[in-house]
């Protein structure tokens, strides 16, 4: 006769239960974050690169083939692109695939900025992939600069993450939803960070363009500059496709134009299910949060 083997003592039962919970956590971690239940990017149609962007610098290091934009860095130059329009708010995303192997010192980006309109006193919202050595994962850095905190004496608001997948193996969607009340960063439509507006002094509210770039940031990008770009591994290539831009341009009245919703109707911000998914990411993959850095002067970041 078949009998089920169960622990025979309270201690062994506790150990059995602990192993069961641990195995469940490992399996859940391997599968990635729980479903956010809502996918804001799916509500927006992609556009071609030429419909929304133009080359900004390094035109010889930029190529568009079958809807995929490749930009690359070598010992001569990097490259960057810029949106055709400036926006007051909106949803901005691209599917991006990163270079494998040794990429220390190299930055691949998708970000909002008004640096060209306000040099020395600009605003910025960043998604930056910090290059790495082959034995370590990429770091995804999110950051916010307000009215010159990215100029001169830099005061960043960084949150850095590892990812629950290998970003060099396939394209994944990275997005910024910038609204008058909050900024939300998404990876494959899973929210990973929410930066709420707590006052004009700590929130970017002037129009910005959308940018992408690849460049050499050896002085700080990889483990605070410990590892530099090594051009024997050149070219370093960033690939972008499925661009999505839906926002309020500077020519539109804010009263007649609203940015896309981050969540299902009925929620002012993220839904409870989205918050749960975001918390999962932060619990498992957050590697740096500026508000928890004891070396920082938090009088400069009052929102902390």
C-alpha atoms as a PDB file:
ATOM      1  CA  UNK A   1       0.000   0.000   0.000  1.00  0.00           C
ATOM      2  CA  UNK A   2       1.250   3.514  -0.906  1.00  0.00           C
ATOM      3  CA  UNK A   3       1.516   5.909   2.008  1.00  0.00           C
ATOM      4  CA  UNK A   4       2.430   9.611   2.008  1.00  0.00           C
ATOM      5  CA  UNK A   5       5.582  10.386   3.937  1.00  0.00           C
ATOM      6  CA  UNK A   6       4.938  13.312   6.281  1.00  0.00           C
ATOM      7  CA  UNK A   7       7.236  14.722   8.952  1.00  0.00           C
ATOM      8  CA  UNK A   8       6.763  12.863  12.204  1.00  0.00           C
ATOM      9  CA  UNK A   9       7.722  15.594  14.682  1.00  0.00           C
ATOM     10  CA  UNK A  10       6.949  19.326  15.090  1.00  0.00           C
ATOM     11  CA  UNK A  11      10.586  20.212  14.409  1.00  0.00           C
ATOM     12  CA  UNK A  12      10.809  18.146  11.241  1.00  0.00           C
ATOM     13  CA  UNK A  13       7.408  19.469  10.139  1.00  0.00           C
ATOM     14  CA  UNK A  14       8.670  23.044  10.596  1.00  0.00           C
ATOM     15  CA  UNK A  15      11.784  22.215   8.566  1.00  0.00           C
ATOM     16  CA  UNK A  16       9.630  20.622   5.856  1.00  0.00           C
ATOM     17  CA  UNK A  17       7.397  23.707   5.748  1.00  0.00           C
ATOM     18  CA  UNK A  18      10.449  26.002   5.601  1.00  0.00           C
ATOM     19  CA  UNK A  19      11.832  24.078   2.607  1.00  0.00           C
ATOM     20  CA  UNK A  20       8.453  24.232   0.891  1.00  0.00           C
ATOM     21  CA  UNK A  21       8.223  28.024   1.313  1.00  0.00           C
ATOM     22  CA  UNK A  22      11.841  28.476   0.235  1.00  0.00           C
ATOM     23  CA  UNK A  23      11.340  26.415  -2.924  1.00  0.00           C
ATOM     24  CA  UNK A  24       8.222  28.430  -3.724  1.00  0.00           C
ATOM     25  CA  UNK A  25      10.137  31.706  -3.316  1.00  0.00           C
ATOM     26  CA  UNK A  26      12.958  30.474  -5.548  1.00  0.00           C
ATOM     27  CA  UNK A  27      10.505  29.403  -8.236  1.00  0.00           C
ATOM     28  CA  UNK A  28       8.630  32.716  -8.014  1.00  0.00           C
ATOM     29  CA  UNK A  29      11.889  34.649  -8.232  1.00  0.00           C
ATOM     30  CA  UNK A  30      13.003  32.674 -11.282  1.00  0.00           C
ATOM     31  CA  UNK A  31       9.709  33.422 -13.029  1.00  0.00           C
ATOM     32  CA  UNK A  32      10.026  37.169 -12.669  1.00  0.00           C
ATOM     33  CA  UNK A  33       7.663  39.672 -11.069  1.00  0.00           C
ATOM     34  CA  UNK A  34       3.964  39.037 -10.531  1.00  0.00           C
ATOM     35  CA  UNK A  35       1.632  40.369 -13.184  1.00  0.00           C
ATOM     36  CA  UNK A  36       0.928  44.102 -12.833  1.00  0.00           C
ATOM     37  CA  UNK A  37      -2.543  43.435 -14.276  1.00  0.00           C
ATOM     38  CA  UNK A  38      -2.381  46.455 -16.584  1.00  0.00           C
ATOM     39  CA  UNK A  39      -0.041  47.247 -19.466  1.00  0.00           C
ATOM     40  CA  UNK A  40      -0.019  50.957 -20.363  1.00  0.00           C
ATOM     41  CA  UNK A  41       2.360  50.464 -23.291  1.00  0.00           C
ATOM     42  CA  UNK A  42      -0.139  48.182 -25.021  1.00  0.00           C
ATOM     43  CA  UNK A  43      -2.525  51.126 -25.382  1.00  0.00           C
ATOM     44  CA  UNK A  44      -0.055  53.085 -27.536  1.00  0.00           C
ATOM     45  CA  UNK A  45       0.901  52.375 -31.143  1.00  0.00           C
ATOM     46  CA  UNK A  46       4.607  52.320 -32.057  1.00  0.00           C
ATOM     47  CA  UNK A  47       6.077  54.802 -34.501  1.00  0.00           C
ATOM     48  CA  UNK A  48       9.104  54.595 -36.762  1.00  0.00           C
ATOM     49  CA  UNK A  49      12.310  56.351 -35.760  1.00  0.00           C
ATOM     50  CA  UNK A  50      11.910  58.986 -38.493  1.00  0.00           C
ATOM     51  CA  UNK A  51       8.377  59.794 -37.352  1.00  0.00           C
ATOM     52  CA  UNK A  52       9.531  60.864 -33.926  1.00  0.00           C
ATOM     53  CA  UNK A  53      13.293  61.404 -33.857  1.00  0.00           C
ATOM     54  CA  UNK A  54      16.392  62.654 -35.617  1.00  0.00           C
ATOM     55  CA  UNK A  55      20.095  62.120 -35.182  1.00  0.00           C
ATOM     56  CA  UNK A  56      21.662  64.564 -32.726  1.00  0.00           C
ATOM     57  CA  UNK A  57      25.343  63.638 -32.862  1.00  0.00           C
ATOM     58  CA  UNK A  58      27.592  60.910 -34.202  1.00  0.00           C
ATOM     59  CA  UNK A  59      25.672  60.340 -37.479  1.00  0.00           C
ATOM     60  CA  UNK A  60      28.390  57.984 -38.720  1.00  0.00           C
ATOM     61  CA  UNK A  61      27.687  55.784 -35.684  1.00  0.00           C
ATOM     62  CA  UNK A  62      23.980  55.367 -36.319  1.00  0.00           C
ATOM     63  CA  UNK A  63      22.216  52.955 -38.662  1.00  0.00           C
ATOM     64  CA  UNK A  64      18.534  52.230 -39.287  1.00  0.00           C
ATOM     65  CA  UNK A  65      17.679  48.815 -40.727  1.00  0.00           C
ATOM     66  CA  UNK A  66      14.229  47.220 -40.945  1.00  0.00           C
ATOM     67  CA  UNK A  67      12.856  49.387 -38.159  1.00  0.00           C
ATOM     68  CA  UNK A  68      15.743  48.818 -35.741  1.00  0.00           C
ATOM     69  CA  UNK A  69      18.052  51.690 -34.875  1.00  0.00           C
ATOM     70  CA  UNK A  70      21.634  50.756 -33.978  1.00  0.00           C
ATOM     71  CA  UNK A  71      23.917  53.317 -32.368  1.00  0.00           C
ATOM     72  CA  UNK A  72      27.461  52.507 -31.352  1.00  0.00           C
ATOM     73  CA  UNK A  73      30.489  53.717 -29.496  1.00  0.00           C
ATOM     74  CA  UNK A  74      34.069  53.192 -30.633  1.00  0.00           C
ATOM     75  CA  UNK A  75      37.328  54.991 -29.982  1.00  0.00           C
ATOM     76  CA  UNK A  76      36.268  57.764 -32.383  1.00  0.00           C
ATOM     77  CA  UNK A  77      32.775  58.637 -31.193  1.00  0.00           C
ATOM     78  CA  UNK A  78      29.488  57.612 -29.691  1.00  0.00           C
ATOM     79  CA  UNK A  79      26.071  58.647 -30.978  1.00  0.00           C
ATOM     80  CA  UNK A  80      22.797  60.159 -29.865  1.00  0.00           C
ATOM     81  CA  UNK A  81      19.310  61.008 -31.100  1.00  0.00           C
ATOM     82  CA  UNK A  82      16.576  63.450 -30.110  1.00  0.00           C
ATOM     83  CA  UNK A  83      12.811  63.699 -30.500  1.00  0.00           C
ATOM     84  CA  UNK A  84      11.392  66.103 -33.049  1.00  0.00           C
ATOM     85  CA  UNK A  85       9.140  67.705 -30.441  1.00  0.00           C
ATOM     86  CA  UNK A  86       9.380  68.905 -26.868  1.00  0.00           C
ATOM     87  CA  UNK A  87       6.808  67.544 -24.420  1.00  0.00           C
ATOM     88  CA  UNK A  88       5.094  68.800 -21.252  1.00  0.00           C
ATOM     89  CA  UNK A  89       4.171  65.253 -20.164  1.00  0.00           C
ATOM     90  CA  UNK A  90       3.628  61.821 -21.656  1.00  0.00           C
ATOM     91  CA  UNK A  91       4.595  58.179 -22.077  1.00  0.00           C
ATOM     92  CA  UNK A  92       7.944  57.528 -23.774  1.00  0.00           C
ATOM     93  CA  UNK A  93       9.372  54.085 -24.446  1.00  0.00           C
ATOM     94  CA  UNK A  94      11.513  51.919 -26.673  1.00  0.00           C
ATOM     95  CA  UNK A  95      12.400  48.259 -26.924  1.00  0.00           C
ATOM     96  CA  UNK A  96      16.153  48.074 -26.287  1.00  0.00           C
ATOM     97  CA  UNK A  97      18.726  45.303 -26.597  1.00  0.00           C
ATOM     98  CA  UNK A  98      22.124  45.749 -24.969  1.00  0.00           C
ATOM     99  CA  UNK A  99      25.618  44.625 -25.911  1.00  0.00           C
ATOM    100  CA  UNK A 100      26.880  41.432 -24.221  1.00  0.00           C
ATOM    101  CA  UNK A 101      30.395  40.844 -22.913  1.00  0.00           C
ATOM    102  CA  UNK A 102      32.736  43.529 -21.580  1.00  0.00           C
ATOM    103  CA  UNK A 103      30.904  46.873 -21.601  1.00  0.00           C
ATOM    104  CA  UNK A 104      32.407  48.577 -18.530  1.00  0.00           C
ATOM    105  CA  UNK A 105      32.406  52.356 -18.737  1.00  0.00           C
ATOM    106  CA  UNK A 106      29.767  52.426 -21.484  1.00  0.00           C
ATOM    107  CA  UNK A 107      26.357  54.063 -20.959  1.00  0.00           C
ATOM    108  CA  UNK A 108      23.301  53.286 -23.092  1.00  0.00           C
ATOM    109  CA  UNK A 109      20.375  55.612 -22.432  1.00  0.00           C
ATOM    110  CA  UNK A 110      16.773  56.661 -22.941  1.00  0.00           C
ATOM    111  CA  UNK A 111      15.925  59.906 -21.168  1.00  0.00           C
ATOM    112  CA  UNK A 112      14.084  63.229 -21.062  1.00  0.00           C
ATOM    113  CA  UNK A 113      15.955  66.526 -20.807  1.00  0.00           C
ATOM    114  CA  UNK A 114      15.779  70.256 -21.504  1.00  0.00           C
ATOM    115  CA  UNK A 115      19.536  70.766 -21.292  1.00  0.00           C
ATOM    116  CA  UNK A 116      19.671  72.511 -24.657  1.00  0.00           C
ATOM    117  CA  UNK A 117      16.931  74.953 -23.632  1.00  0.00           C
ATOM    118  CA  UNK A 118      18.263  75.532 -20.096  1.00  0.00           C
ATOM    119  CA  UNK A 119      22.034  74.919 -20.134  1.00  0.00           C
ATOM    120  CA  UNK A 120      23.449  74.944 -16.619  1.00  0.00           C
ATOM    121  CA  UNK A 121      19.971  74.829 -15.067  1.00  0.00           C
ATOM    122  CA  UNK A 122      18.268  71.879 -16.701  1.00  0.00           C
ATOM    123  CA  UNK A 123      15.812  69.128 -15.751  1.00  0.00           C
ATOM    124  CA  UNK A 124      16.261  65.455 -16.627  1.00  0.00           C
ATOM    125  CA  UNK A 125      14.585  62.058 -16.162  1.00  0.00           C
ATOM    126  CA  UNK A 126      16.894  59.139 -16.923  1.00  0.00           C
ATOM    127  CA  UNK A 127      16.931  55.492 -17.808  1.00  0.00           C
ATOM    128  CA  UNK A 128      20.604  54.536 -18.057  1.00  0.00           C
ATOM    129  CA  UNK A 129      22.181  51.126 -18.535  1.00  0.00           C
ATOM    130  CA  UNK A 130      25.551  51.075 -16.800  1.00  0.00           C
ATOM    131  CA  UNK A 131      28.008  48.830 -18.611  1.00  0.00           C
ATOM    132  CA  UNK A 132      29.630  45.960 -16.798  1.00  0.00           C
ATOM    133  CA  UNK A 133      32.219  43.211 -16.796  1.00  0.00           C
ATOM    134  CA  UNK A 134      31.257  39.759 -18.120  1.00  0.00           C
ATOM    135  CA  UNK A 135      30.936  38.228 -14.632  1.00  0.00           C
ATOM    136  CA  UNK A 136      28.392  40.781 -13.376  1.00  0.00           C
ATOM    137  CA  UNK A 137      24.910  41.878 -14.491  1.00  0.00           C
ATOM    138  CA  UNK A 138      24.016  45.212 -16.028  1.00  0.00           C
ATOM    139  CA  UNK A 139      22.770  47.924 -13.693  1.00  0.00           C
ATOM    140  CA  UNK A 140      19.672  49.870 -14.741  1.00  0.00           C
ATOM    141  CA  UNK A 141      19.881  53.345 -13.228  1.00  0.00           C
ATOM    142  CA  UNK A 142      16.856  55.601 -12.942  1.00  0.00           C
ATOM    143  CA  UNK A 143      17.490  59.209 -12.014  1.00  0.00           C
ATOM    144  CA  UNK A 144      15.799  62.597 -11.734  1.00  0.00           C
ATOM    145  CA  UNK A 145      17.450  66.024 -11.919  1.00  0.00           C
ATOM    146  CA  UNK A 146      15.622  69.264 -11.167  1.00  0.00           C
ATOM    147  CA  UNK A 147      16.595  72.802 -12.174  1.00  0.00           C
ATOM    148  CA  UNK A 148      20.337  72.388 -12.317  1.00  0.00           C
ATOM    149  CA  UNK A 149      20.899  69.549  -9.847  1.00  0.00           C
ATOM    150  CA  UNK A 150      22.534  67.737 -12.759  1.00  0.00           C
ATOM    151  CA  UNK A 151      24.876  70.668 -13.408  1.00  0.00           C
ATOM    152  CA  UNK A 152      27.970  71.637 -11.435  1.00  0.00           C
ATOM    153  CA  UNK A 153      27.495  70.270  -7.921  1.00  0.00           C
ATOM    154  CA  UNK A 154      25.438  67.251  -8.941  1.00  0.00           C
ATOM    155  CA  UNK A 155      22.590  66.094  -6.711  1.00  0.00           C
ATOM    156  CA  UNK A 156      21.197  62.881  -8.198  1.00  0.00           C
ATOM    157  CA  UNK A 157      18.117  60.962  -7.151  1.00  0.00           C
ATOM    158  CA  UNK A 158      19.274  57.544  -8.259  1.00  0.00           C
ATOM    159  CA  UNK A 159      17.549  54.217  -7.861  1.00  0.00           C
ATOM    160  CA  UNK A 160      19.523  51.346  -9.384  1.00  0.00           C
ATOM    161  CA  UNK A 161      18.320  47.862 -10.220  1.00  0.00           C
ATOM    162  CA  UNK A 162      19.502  44.558 -11.526  1.00  0.00           C
ATOM    163  CA  UNK A 163      17.063  42.911 -13.919  1.00  0.00           C
ATOM    164  CA  UNK A 164      15.233  39.588 -13.681  1.00  0.00           C
ATOM    165  CA  UNK A 165      16.366  38.704 -17.224  1.00  0.00           C
ATOM    166  CA  UNK A 166      19.453  39.081 -19.405  1.00  0.00           C
ATOM    167  CA  UNK A 167      18.979  42.379 -21.319  1.00  0.00           C
ATOM    168  CA  UNK A 168      21.558  41.323 -23.929  1.00  0.00           C
ATOM    169  CA  UNK A 169      19.580  38.297 -25.150  1.00  0.00           C
ATOM    170  CA  UNK A 170      16.469  40.008 -26.466  1.00  0.00           C
ATOM    171  CA  UNK A 171      14.635  43.320 -26.732  1.00  0.00           C
ATOM    172  CA  UNK A 172      12.772  44.509 -23.640  1.00  0.00           C
ATOM    173  CA  UNK A 173      10.576  47.573 -23.235  1.00  0.00           C
ATOM    174  CA  UNK A 174      11.780  50.429 -21.043  1.00  0.00           C
ATOM    175  CA  UNK A 175       9.464  53.378 -20.420  1.00  0.00           C
ATOM    176  CA  UNK A 176       9.077  56.677 -18.620  1.00  0.00           C
ATOM    177  CA  UNK A 177       5.601  57.973 -17.806  1.00  0.00           C
ATOM    178  CA  UNK A 178       5.972  61.622 -16.859  1.00  0.00           C
ATOM    179  CA  UNK A 179       2.878  63.349 -15.508  1.00  0.00           C
ATOM    180  CA  UNK A 180       2.357  66.646 -13.662  1.00  0.00           C
ATOM    181  CA  UNK A 181       1.796  64.662 -10.457  1.00  0.00           C
ATOM    182  CA  UNK A 182       4.321  61.814 -10.711  1.00  0.00           C
ATOM    183  CA  UNK A 183       6.932  60.009 -12.796  1.00  0.00           C
ATOM    184  CA  UNK A 184       6.824  56.230 -13.140  1.00  0.00           C
ATOM    185  CA  UNK A 185       9.540  54.024 -14.630  1.00  0.00           C
ATOM    186  CA  UNK A 186       8.517  50.734 -16.278  1.00  0.00           C
ATOM    187  CA  UNK A 187      10.313  47.617 -17.512  1.00  0.00           C
ATOM    188  CA  UNK A 188       8.129  45.472 -19.781  1.00  0.00           C
ATOM    189  CA  UNK A 189       5.161  47.427 -18.381  1.00  0.00           C
ATOM    190  CA  UNK A 190       6.046  46.432 -14.803  1.00  0.00           C
ATOM    191  CA  UNK A 191       6.451  49.593 -12.694  1.00  0.00           C
ATOM    192  CA  UNK A 192       9.823  49.599 -10.937  1.00  0.00           C
ATOM    193  CA  UNK A 193       9.868  53.121  -9.485  1.00  0.00           C
ATOM    194  CA  UNK A 194       7.398  55.882  -8.709  1.00  0.00           C
ATOM    195  CA  UNK A 195       8.702  59.395  -8.101  1.00  0.00           C
ATOM    196  CA  UNK A 196       5.819  61.597  -6.837  1.00  0.00           C
ATOM    197  CA  UNK A 197       5.665  65.350  -7.044  1.00  0.00           C
ATOM    198  CA  UNK A 198       6.022  66.778  -3.542  1.00  0.00           C
ATOM    199  CA  UNK A 199       6.726  70.360  -4.594  1.00  0.00           C
ATOM    200  CA  UNK A 200       8.121  72.452  -7.432  1.00  0.00           C
ATOM    201  CA  UNK A 201      11.629  72.409  -5.951  1.00  0.00           C
ATOM    202  CA  UNK A 202      11.908  68.625  -6.219  1.00  0.00           C
ATOM    203  CA  UNK A 203       9.976  67.885  -9.421  1.00  0.00           C
ATOM    204  CA  UNK A 204      10.770  68.533 -13.098  1.00  0.00           C
ATOM    205  CA  UNK A 205       7.888  70.461 -14.633  1.00  0.00           C
ATOM    206  CA  UNK A 206       9.382  72.287 -17.629  1.00  0.00           C
ATOM    207  CA  UNK A 207       9.055  70.902 -21.187  1.00  0.00           C
ATOM    208  CA  UNK A 208      11.610  68.284 -22.219  1.00  0.00           C
ATOM    209  CA  UNK A 209      12.737  66.417 -25.319  1.00  0.00           C
ATOM    210  CA  UNK A 210      13.259  62.646 -25.510  1.00  0.00           C
ATOM    211  CA  UNK A 211      16.817  61.445 -26.112  1.00  0.00           C
ATOM    212  CA  UNK A 212      18.784  58.258 -26.546  1.00  0.00           C
ATOM    213  CA  UNK A 213      22.546  57.828 -26.640  1.00  0.00           C
ATOM    214  CA  UNK A 214      25.587  55.640 -26.151  1.00  0.00           C
ATOM    215  CA  UNK A 215      28.786  57.177 -24.761  1.00  0.00           C
ATOM    216  CA  UNK A 216      31.903  56.682 -22.677  1.00  0.00           C
ATOM    217  CA  UNK A 217      31.333  57.401 -18.975  1.00  0.00           C
ATOM    218  CA  UNK A 218      34.417  55.573 -17.711  1.00  0.00           C
ATOM    219  CA  UNK A 219      34.942  58.053 -14.888  1.00  0.00           C
ATOM    220  CA  UNK A 220      31.880  56.802 -12.958  1.00  0.00           C
ATOM    221  CA  UNK A 221      29.663  54.314 -14.790  1.00  0.00           C
ATOM    222  CA  UNK A 222      30.998  50.938 -13.614  1.00  0.00           C
ATOM    223  CA  UNK A 223      31.622  50.526  -9.893  1.00  0.00           C
ATOM    224  CA  UNK A 224      32.364  54.255  -9.499  1.00  0.00           C
ATOM    225  CA  UNK A 225      34.940  54.215 -12.291  1.00  0.00           C
ATOM    226  CA  UNK A 226      36.874  51.145 -11.153  1.00  0.00           C
ATOM    227  CA  UNK A 227      36.475  49.570 -14.608  1.00  0.00           C
ATOM    228  CA  UNK A 228      36.962  51.682 -17.747  1.00  0.00           C
ATOM    229  CA  UNK A 229      35.840  51.321 -21.347  1.00  0.00           C
ATOM    230  CA  UNK A 230      38.241  49.011 -23.170  1.00  0.00           C
ATOM    231  CA  UNK A 231      38.220  49.672 -26.891  1.00  0.00           C
ATOM    232  CA  UNK A 232      39.679  46.335 -27.821  1.00  0.00           C
ATOM    233  CA  UNK A 233      36.025  45.194 -27.430  1.00  0.00           C
ATOM    234  CA  UNK A 234      34.636  47.898 -29.753  1.00  0.00           C
ATOM    235  CA  UNK A 235      32.172  48.657 -31.205  1.00  0.00           C
ATOM    236  CA  UNK A 236      29.722  48.835 -28.309  1.00  0.00           C
ATOM    237  CA  UNK A 237      26.226  48.725 -29.801  1.00  0.00           C
ATOM    238  CA  UNK A 238      22.816  49.708 -28.459  1.00  0.00           C
ATOM    239  CA  UNK A 239      19.780  48.611 -30.455  1.00  0.00           C
ATOM    240  CA  UNK A 240      16.371  50.326 -30.297  1.00  0.00           C
ATOM    241  CA  UNK A 241      12.998  49.619 -31.922  1.00  0.00           C
ATOM    242  CA  UNK A 242       9.237  49.969 -31.327  1.00  0.00           C
ATOM    243  CA  UNK A 243       9.464  53.598 -30.280  1.00  0.00           C
ATOM    244  CA  UNK A 244       6.393  54.967 -28.514  1.00  0.00           C
ATOM    245  CA  UNK A 245       5.761  58.662 -27.911  1.00  0.00           C
ATOM    246  CA  UNK A 246       2.400  59.790 -26.620  1.00  0.00           C
ATOM    247  CA  UNK A 247       2.360  63.077 -24.825  1.00  0.00           C
ATOM    248  CA  UNK A 248       1.439  66.705 -24.703  1.00  0.00           C
ATOM    249  CA  UNK A 249       3.731  68.826 -26.833  1.00  0.00           C
ATOM    250  CA  UNK A 250       4.499  72.420 -25.978  1.00  0.00           C
ATOM    251  CA  UNK A 251       2.015  73.510 -28.657  1.00  0.00           C
ATOM    252  CA  UNK A 252      -0.915  71.839 -26.879  1.00  0.00           C
ATOM    253  CA  UNK A 253      -2.891  73.251 -23.991  1.00  0.00           C
ATOM    254  CA  UNK A 254      -2.522  71.179 -20.790  1.00  0.00           C
ATOM    255  CA  UNK A 255      -6.287  71.441 -20.303  1.00  0.00           C
ATOM    256  CA  UNK A 256      -6.950  69.775 -23.663  1.00  0.00           C
ATOM    257  CA  UNK A 257      -4.182  67.180 -23.511  1.00  0.00           C
ATOM    258  CA  UNK A 258      -3.705  64.557 -20.843  1.00  0.00           C
ATOM    259  CA  UNK A 259      -0.860  62.027 -20.616  1.00  0.00           C
ATOM    260  CA  UNK A 260      -1.750  58.321 -20.863  1.00  0.00           C
ATOM    261  CA  UNK A 261      -2.971  56.620 -17.722  1.00  0.00           C
ATOM    262  CA  UNK A 262      -0.535  54.509 -15.719  1.00  0.00           C
ATOM    263  CA  UNK A 263      -3.268  52.191 -14.505  1.00  0.00           C
ATOM    264  CA  UNK A 264      -6.836  51.009 -15.074  1.00  0.00           C
ATOM    265  CA  UNK A 265      -9.589  53.603 -14.882  1.00  0.00           C
ATOM    266  CA  UNK A 266     -10.570  54.493 -11.376  1.00  0.00           C
ATOM    267  CA  UNK A 267      -7.022  54.798 -10.045  1.00  0.00           C
ATOM    268  CA  UNK A 268      -5.301  58.147  -9.755  1.00  0.00           C
ATOM    269  CA  UNK A 269      -1.920  56.446  -9.820  1.00  0.00           C
ATOM    270  CA  UNK A 270      -0.873  52.803  -9.762  1.00  0.00           C
ATOM    271  CA  UNK A 271      -3.365  50.090  -8.892  1.00  0.00           C
ATOM    272  CA  UNK A 272      -2.830  47.857  -5.880  1.00  0.00           C
ATOM    273  CA  UNK A 273      -1.752  45.042  -8.210  1.00  0.00           C
ATOM    274  CA  UNK A 274       0.800  47.314  -9.907  1.00  0.00           C
ATOM    275  CA  UNK A 275       2.109  48.466  -6.526  1.00  0.00           C
ATOM    276  CA  UNK A 276       2.513  44.824  -5.509  1.00  0.00           C
ATOM    277  CA  UNK A 277       4.534  44.084  -8.656  1.00  0.00           C
ATOM    278  CA  UNK A 278       6.686  47.183  -8.100  1.00  0.00           C
ATOM    279  CA  UNK A 279       7.325  46.182  -4.494  1.00  0.00           C
ATOM    280  CA  UNK A 280       8.377  42.721  -5.657  1.00  0.00           C
ATOM    281  CA  UNK A 281      10.948  44.237  -8.011  1.00  0.00           C
ATOM    282  CA  UNK A 282      12.292  46.557  -5.341  1.00  0.00           C
ATOM    283  CA  UNK A 283      12.484  43.757  -2.777  1.00  0.00           C
ATOM    284  CA  UNK A 284      14.387  41.437  -5.114  1.00  0.00           C
ATOM    285  CA  UNK A 285      16.383  43.640  -7.497  1.00  0.00           C
ATOM    286  CA  UNK A 286      16.952  47.109  -6.025  1.00  0.00           C
ATOM    287  CA  UNK A 287      20.684  47.588  -5.468  1.00  0.00           C
ATOM    288  CA  UNK A 288      20.894  51.308  -4.587  1.00  0.00           C
ATOM    289  CA  UNK A 289      18.485  53.954  -3.301  1.00  0.00           C
ATOM    290  CA  UNK A 290      19.762  57.488  -2.760  1.00  0.00           C
ATOM    291  CA  UNK A 291      17.486  58.138   0.225  1.00  0.00           C
ATOM    292  CA  UNK A 292      19.128  55.245   2.096  1.00  0.00           C
ATOM    293  CA  UNK A 293      22.718  56.294   1.356  1.00  0.00           C
ATOM    294  CA  UNK A 294      24.300  57.481   4.638  1.00  0.00           C
ATOM    295  CA  UNK A 295      27.048  59.307   2.725  1.00  0.00           C
ATOM    296  CA  UNK A 296      24.564  61.628   1.066  1.00  0.00           C
ATOM    297  CA  UNK A 297      23.616  65.068   2.386  1.00  0.00           C
ATOM    298  CA  UNK A 298      19.863  64.644   2.627  1.00  0.00           C
ATOM    299  CA  UNK A 299      19.226  68.316   3.260  1.00  0.00           C
ATOM    300  CA  UNK A 300      19.706  68.528  -0.530  1.00  0.00           C
ATOM    301  CA  UNK A 301      17.009  65.902  -1.132  1.00  0.00           C
ATOM    302  CA  UNK A 302      14.172  66.955   1.200  1.00  0.00           C
ATOM    303  CA  UNK A 303      11.758  64.443  -0.359  1.00  0.00           C
ATOM    304  CA  UNK A 304      13.719  61.702   1.461  1.00  0.00           C
END
